[in-house]
Protein backbone atom coordinates (compact mmCIF):
# COMPACT_ATOMS: atom_id res chain seq x y z
CA MET A 1 -130.00 -116.37 -138.42
CA GLY A 2 -128.36 -113.60 -136.27
CA ALA A 3 -125.17 -113.95 -138.24
CA VAL A 4 -127.03 -113.83 -141.57
CA PHE A 5 -128.75 -110.65 -140.50
CA ALA A 6 -125.50 -109.17 -139.44
CA THR A 7 -124.13 -109.92 -142.86
CA ILE A 8 -126.89 -108.42 -144.97
CA ALA A 9 -128.17 -105.60 -142.70
CA PRO A 10 -125.26 -103.24 -143.50
CA VAL A 11 -125.48 -104.00 -147.20
CA PHE A 12 -129.24 -103.32 -147.08
CA GLY A 13 -128.70 -100.30 -144.98
CA VAL A 14 -126.27 -98.40 -146.99
CA ALA A 15 -128.12 -99.27 -150.30
CA ALA A 16 -131.38 -98.13 -148.70
CA ALA A 17 -129.63 -94.83 -147.79
CA GLY A 18 -128.81 -94.24 -151.48
CA PHE A 19 -132.26 -95.36 -152.38
CA LEU A 20 -133.94 -92.76 -150.08
CA TRP A 21 -131.43 -90.22 -151.06
CA ALA A 22 -132.46 -90.43 -154.57
CA ARG A 23 -136.28 -90.71 -153.79
CA ARG A 24 -136.09 -87.49 -151.88
CA GLY A 25 -134.75 -85.71 -154.95
CA ARG A 26 -131.38 -85.03 -153.56
CA PRO A 27 -128.52 -84.59 -156.16
CA PHE A 28 -126.50 -87.71 -156.99
CA HIS A 29 -124.70 -87.97 -160.32
CA ARG A 30 -124.73 -91.71 -160.88
CA GLU A 31 -122.50 -91.71 -163.91
CA ALA A 32 -120.12 -89.54 -162.30
CA ALA A 33 -120.00 -91.83 -159.13
CA SER A 34 -119.62 -94.84 -161.35
CA ALA A 35 -116.62 -93.18 -163.21
CA LEU A 36 -115.10 -92.24 -159.91
CA ASN A 37 -115.36 -95.77 -158.60
CA SER A 38 -114.34 -97.68 -161.73
CA ASP A 39 -111.44 -95.32 -162.66
CA LEU A 40 -110.11 -94.41 -159.20
CA ALA A 41 -111.54 -95.94 -156.11
CA ALA A 42 -111.90 -99.57 -157.17
CA PRO A 43 -108.47 -99.71 -158.82
CA CYS A 44 -106.92 -98.42 -155.69
CA LEU A 45 -108.79 -100.97 -153.63
CA VAL A 46 -107.60 -103.84 -155.97
CA PHE A 47 -104.02 -102.70 -155.81
CA SER A 48 -103.81 -101.96 -152.07
CA ARG A 49 -105.40 -105.23 -151.18
CA LEU A 50 -103.24 -107.28 -153.71
CA VAL A 51 -99.81 -105.93 -152.64
CA THR A 52 -100.81 -106.48 -148.84
CA LEU A 53 -102.07 -110.05 -149.34
CA SER A 54 -102.62 -112.03 -146.17
CA ILE A 55 -103.28 -115.15 -148.09
CA ASP A 56 -101.24 -117.29 -150.49
CA PRO A 57 -101.11 -115.58 -153.84
CA ALA A 58 -101.64 -118.94 -155.44
CA ALA A 59 -105.05 -119.01 -153.80
CA MET A 60 -105.71 -115.70 -155.57
CA GLY A 61 -104.65 -117.08 -158.86
CA THR A 62 -106.91 -120.13 -158.48
CA MET A 63 -109.90 -117.89 -157.63
CA ALA A 64 -109.18 -115.74 -160.74
CA LEU A 65 -108.98 -118.74 -162.99
CA ALA A 66 -112.26 -120.10 -161.56
CA ALA A 67 -113.79 -116.70 -161.90
CA THR A 68 -112.74 -116.64 -165.68
CA LEU A 69 -114.18 -120.08 -166.29
CA ALA A 70 -117.33 -119.14 -164.55
CA MET A 71 -117.58 -115.96 -167.07
CA LEU A 72 -117.20 -118.38 -169.96
CA ALA A 73 -119.66 -120.77 -168.61
CA PHE A 74 -122.20 -117.86 -168.16
CA ALA A 75 -121.50 -116.82 -171.75
CA GLY A 76 -121.97 -120.08 -173.23
CA LEU A 77 -125.06 -121.14 -171.37
CA GLY A 78 -126.55 -117.89 -171.76
CA ALA A 79 -125.95 -117.80 -175.54
CA LEU A 80 -127.48 -121.30 -175.75
CA VAL A 81 -130.70 -120.13 -173.88
CA LEU A 82 -130.95 -116.94 -176.08
CA TRP A 83 -130.50 -118.98 -179.29
CA ARG A 84 -133.48 -121.31 -178.12
CA LEU A 85 -135.56 -118.18 -177.32
CA HIS A 86 -134.58 -116.47 -180.59
CA LEU A 87 -133.45 -113.33 -178.67
CA PRO A 88 -130.34 -111.25 -179.73
CA ASN A 89 -127.12 -111.61 -177.82
CA HIS A 90 -126.20 -108.01 -178.11
CA THR A 91 -129.07 -106.98 -175.74
CA TYR A 92 -129.62 -109.91 -173.34
CA LEU A 93 -126.21 -111.76 -173.14
CA ALA A 94 -124.27 -109.38 -171.01
CA PRO A 95 -126.68 -109.15 -168.18
CA LEU A 96 -126.33 -112.92 -167.89
CA VAL A 97 -122.57 -112.90 -168.07
CA PHE A 98 -121.61 -110.05 -165.75
CA PRO A 99 -123.07 -110.13 -162.19
CA ASN A 100 -122.79 -107.35 -159.66
CA THR A 101 -119.60 -108.64 -158.02
CA GLY A 102 -118.71 -105.10 -157.09
CA ASN A 103 -121.53 -102.99 -155.73
CA MET A 104 -123.07 -106.09 -154.00
CA GLY A 105 -120.55 -108.76 -154.16
CA LEU A 106 -117.70 -107.22 -152.35
CA PRO A 107 -119.55 -105.82 -149.33
CA VAL A 108 -121.57 -109.17 -148.86
CA CYS A 109 -118.39 -111.26 -148.98
CA LEU A 110 -116.62 -108.78 -146.64
CA PHE A 111 -119.27 -108.90 -143.99
CA ALA A 112 -119.84 -112.71 -144.40
CA PHE A 113 -116.11 -113.80 -144.34
CA GLY A 114 -114.31 -110.72 -143.11
CA GLU A 115 -110.73 -109.71 -144.17
CA ALA A 116 -109.98 -113.47 -145.04
CA GLY A 117 -112.68 -113.41 -147.74
CA LEU A 118 -112.17 -109.82 -149.16
CA PRO A 119 -108.90 -110.56 -151.16
CA LEU A 120 -110.74 -113.60 -152.65
CA ALA A 121 -113.65 -111.62 -153.44
CA ILE A 122 -111.53 -108.97 -155.08
CA ALA A 123 -109.94 -111.47 -157.32
CA TYR A 124 -113.25 -112.44 -158.66
CA PHE A 125 -114.36 -108.87 -158.96
CA ALA A 126 -111.21 -107.88 -160.82
CA VAL A 127 -111.79 -110.69 -163.29
CA ASN A 128 -115.41 -109.71 -163.71
CA ALA A 129 -114.67 -106.01 -164.12
CA VAL A 130 -112.03 -106.35 -166.56
CA GLY A 131 -114.16 -108.72 -168.60
CA ASN A 132 -116.96 -106.26 -168.42
CA PHE A 133 -115.00 -103.45 -169.86
CA THR A 134 -113.17 -105.54 -172.36
CA ALA A 135 -115.47 -108.37 -173.63
CA GLY A 136 -118.51 -106.31 -172.77
CA PRO A 137 -118.37 -103.78 -175.57
CA PRO A 138 -117.78 -106.35 -178.16
CA ILE A 139 -120.94 -108.28 -176.89
CA TRP A 140 -122.91 -105.11 -177.15
CA THR A 141 -121.50 -103.98 -180.55
CA GLY A 142 -120.06 -107.00 -182.15
CA ARG A 143 -116.67 -105.25 -182.54
CA PHE A 144 -113.48 -105.60 -180.33
CA HIS A 145 -111.18 -102.65 -179.72
CA ILE A 146 -107.71 -103.21 -178.02
CA GLY A 147 -108.14 -99.69 -176.85
CA GLU A 148 -110.98 -100.58 -174.42
CA LEU A 149 -108.42 -102.92 -172.71
CA LEU A 150 -105.67 -100.37 -172.40
CA ARG A 151 -108.05 -97.59 -171.17
CA THR A 152 -109.32 -99.89 -168.34
CA PRO A 153 -107.60 -98.74 -165.03
CA LEU A 154 -108.44 -101.87 -163.35
CA VAL A 155 -106.19 -103.77 -165.66
CA TRP A 156 -103.31 -101.46 -164.88
CA ALA A 157 -104.05 -101.87 -161.18
CA VAL A 158 -103.85 -105.62 -161.42
CA LEU A 159 -100.71 -105.60 -163.61
CA LEU A 160 -98.88 -103.09 -161.22
CA ALA A 161 -99.87 -105.27 -158.23
CA VAL A 162 -98.48 -108.44 -159.90
CA LEU A 163 -95.33 -106.51 -160.95
CA VAL A 164 -94.73 -105.49 -157.12
CA LEU A 165 -95.60 -108.92 -155.84
CA ALA A 166 -93.16 -110.66 -158.39
CA THR A 167 -90.23 -108.35 -157.89
CA PRO A 168 -88.22 -106.86 -155.09
CA LEU A 169 -90.14 -103.48 -155.58
CA THR A 170 -91.74 -102.00 -152.57
CA VAL A 171 -94.52 -99.23 -152.44
CA PRO A 172 -93.55 -96.30 -150.11
CA THR A 173 -95.57 -96.48 -146.97
CA TRP A 174 -97.07 -92.90 -147.48
CA LEU A 175 -98.11 -93.88 -151.14
CA LEU A 176 -99.68 -97.26 -150.10
CA ARG A 177 -101.60 -95.51 -147.24
CA THR A 178 -102.84 -92.93 -149.71
CA ILE A 179 -103.97 -95.67 -152.15
CA HIS A 180 -105.49 -97.61 -149.40
CA LEU A 181 -107.46 -94.57 -148.21
CA ILE A 182 -108.78 -93.92 -151.62
CA GLY A 183 -109.68 -97.57 -151.99
CA ASP A 184 -111.60 -97.45 -148.81
CA LEU A 185 -114.18 -95.19 -150.82
CA SER A 186 -115.17 -98.02 -153.04
CA ILE A 187 -117.45 -100.32 -151.07
CA PRO A 188 -119.69 -97.67 -149.64
CA LEU A 189 -119.73 -95.72 -152.82
CA MET A 190 -120.68 -98.94 -154.60
CA LEU A 191 -123.60 -99.56 -152.35
CA LEU A 192 -124.95 -95.83 -152.37
CA SER A 193 -124.68 -96.01 -156.27
CA LEU A 194 -126.68 -99.20 -156.15
CA GLY A 195 -129.32 -97.79 -153.96
CA VAL A 196 -129.60 -94.73 -156.30
CA SER A 197 -129.81 -97.00 -159.35
CA MET A 198 -132.63 -98.98 -157.84
CA ALA A 199 -134.44 -95.72 -157.22
CA GLU A 200 -134.02 -94.37 -160.75
CA LEU A 201 -134.27 -97.25 -162.99
CA ARG A 202 -137.81 -98.41 -164.11
CA VAL A 203 -139.19 -101.80 -164.91
CA VAL A 204 -140.82 -101.61 -168.39
CA SER A 205 -141.03 -105.38 -169.17
CA PHE A 206 -141.91 -107.46 -166.03
CA GLY A 207 -142.38 -110.92 -167.55
CA ARG A 208 -139.32 -111.27 -169.62
CA ALA A 209 -137.17 -109.46 -166.95
CA ILE A 210 -138.29 -111.63 -164.17
CA GLY A 211 -137.48 -114.64 -166.25
CA PHE A 212 -134.01 -113.44 -166.82
CA ALA A 213 -133.68 -112.40 -163.22
CA LEU A 214 -134.41 -116.00 -162.30
CA LEU A 215 -132.16 -117.31 -164.97
CA ARG A 216 -129.11 -115.15 -163.65
CA LEU A 217 -129.75 -116.48 -160.24
CA GLY A 218 -130.00 -120.06 -161.53
CA LEU A 219 -126.92 -119.83 -163.70
CA GLY A 220 -125.08 -118.35 -160.61
CA VAL A 221 -125.97 -121.30 -158.26
CA GLY A 222 -125.36 -124.00 -160.80
CA VAL A 223 -122.04 -122.77 -162.18
CA GLY A 224 -120.90 -121.25 -158.88
CA VAL A 225 -121.40 -124.52 -156.93
CA GLY A 226 -120.25 -126.79 -159.76
CA LEU A 227 -116.98 -124.91 -160.28
CA ALA A 228 -116.43 -124.51 -156.56
CA ILE A 229 -116.61 -128.17 -156.01
CA ALA A 230 -114.49 -128.86 -159.25
CA PHE A 231 -111.72 -126.53 -157.94
CA GLY A 232 -112.02 -128.16 -154.39
CA PHE A 233 -112.74 -124.82 -152.64
CA GLU A 234 -113.34 -125.00 -148.98
CA GLY A 235 -114.48 -122.52 -146.26
CA ALA A 236 -114.18 -118.94 -147.21
CA ALA A 237 -113.06 -119.79 -150.76
CA PHE A 238 -116.13 -121.81 -151.42
CA GLY A 239 -118.46 -119.24 -149.98
CA VAL A 240 -116.95 -116.36 -151.71
CA PHE A 241 -116.98 -118.05 -155.10
CA VAL A 242 -120.55 -119.02 -154.69
CA LEU A 243 -121.77 -115.63 -153.39
CA GLN A 244 -119.92 -113.78 -156.23
CA SER A 245 -121.42 -116.16 -158.86
CA VAL A 246 -125.10 -115.73 -157.65
CA MET A 247 -124.97 -111.75 -157.68
CA PRO A 248 -127.57 -110.06 -159.81
CA SER A 249 -126.84 -108.35 -163.18
CA ALA A 250 -124.35 -105.57 -162.81
CA VAL A 251 -125.72 -101.92 -163.09
CA PHE A 252 -123.00 -101.26 -165.67
CA ASN A 253 -124.98 -103.46 -168.04
CA HIS A 254 -127.64 -100.72 -168.18
CA LEU A 255 -124.94 -97.88 -168.76
CA PHE A 256 -123.60 -99.95 -171.71
CA ALA A 257 -127.18 -100.63 -173.12
CA GLN A 258 -127.85 -96.79 -173.05
CA ARG A 259 -124.34 -96.16 -174.59
CA TYR A 260 -124.83 -98.55 -177.45
CA GLY A 261 -128.72 -98.20 -177.89
CA ARG A 262 -129.46 -101.73 -176.86
CA SER A 263 -132.95 -101.50 -175.39
CA PRO A 264 -131.92 -99.85 -172.30
CA GLY A 265 -135.44 -100.12 -170.71
CA GLU A 266 -135.32 -103.98 -171.08
CA VAL A 267 -131.87 -104.04 -169.58
CA ALA A 268 -132.82 -101.83 -166.69
CA SER A 269 -135.88 -104.07 -165.96
CA ILE A 270 -133.56 -107.24 -165.74
CA VAL A 271 -131.02 -105.13 -163.51
CA VAL A 272 -133.83 -104.06 -161.18
CA LEU A 273 -135.64 -107.48 -160.94
CA SER A 274 -132.46 -109.54 -160.66
CA THR A 275 -131.32 -107.28 -157.66
CA ALA A 276 -134.72 -107.85 -156.02
CA VAL A 277 -134.39 -111.53 -156.59
CA SER A 278 -130.91 -111.55 -155.31
CA PHE A 279 -131.77 -109.64 -152.26
CA ALA A 280 -134.68 -112.03 -151.51
CA ALA A 281 -132.40 -115.33 -152.08
CA LEU A 282 -129.37 -114.00 -150.30
CA PRO A 283 -130.50 -114.87 -146.80
CA LEU A 284 -131.10 -118.60 -147.95
CA VAL A 285 -127.80 -118.61 -149.76
CA LEU A 286 -125.88 -117.36 -146.71
CA ALA A 287 -127.64 -119.73 -144.33
CA TRP A 288 -126.83 -122.70 -146.76
CA LEU A 289 -123.27 -121.62 -146.75
CA GLY A 290 -123.31 -121.54 -142.88
CA VAL A 291 -122.19 -118.05 -142.47
CA SER A 292 -121.38 -117.53 -138.75
CA GLY A 293 -119.79 -114.26 -138.35
């Protein structure tokens, strides 16, 4: 259990710092921090880690493919559940499809599996984030705009990294170090933002929200373990894929619900309670995965 504690304590600690900061009434502009992270820090993190890969690029591609299939499985199973419950997809589907693979997933995978697991976690995160900003708005609104894809910095970060890896192009050392330095902001900024969000969001519908929180965890475990076995993942790849799959509903779901007027109070309740459920389940998941460092 010492290794499990060493993994989750930094995550809890930094998120708790953000929570206490907000509770004390100190200024923290959550939307500005989210924009800074999604438009600058996270793309720099993705680009810098991809172009300095310490693992086989094929393994990254396999992880990205599995993450895409996981997202599609979450969507299909989630839509089926909502159809049976007679609930609208435009409000409740996205919180089931898009887990918090950034704010929680990246630091948990980093502390659980070290630098060997981080690139794999980034591959999953990149797929999930691109999906959130491209397929997410159509789920909330019922309309697709190609402009959403073209305006997503993470998409360009991934494309530029693939271009560098597939050609003789090299990134100047001074530029790569600058990008790497900015990318290093991403994980602590994600955790602080998560803590602030938990302090500011309110639960307005406990019964339904706790049901969706448990459903998000159940989908994550079932799809995560099933696909990890199907793809033959082992070691860090297996652990990273399962951990990213069981993460709670992403905070960005609440921001989208506010933007498009889709019951933001209900969505906030799902985000808060799924995060609480995930925090409670995380030690058990890590212990089952045999985290030892």
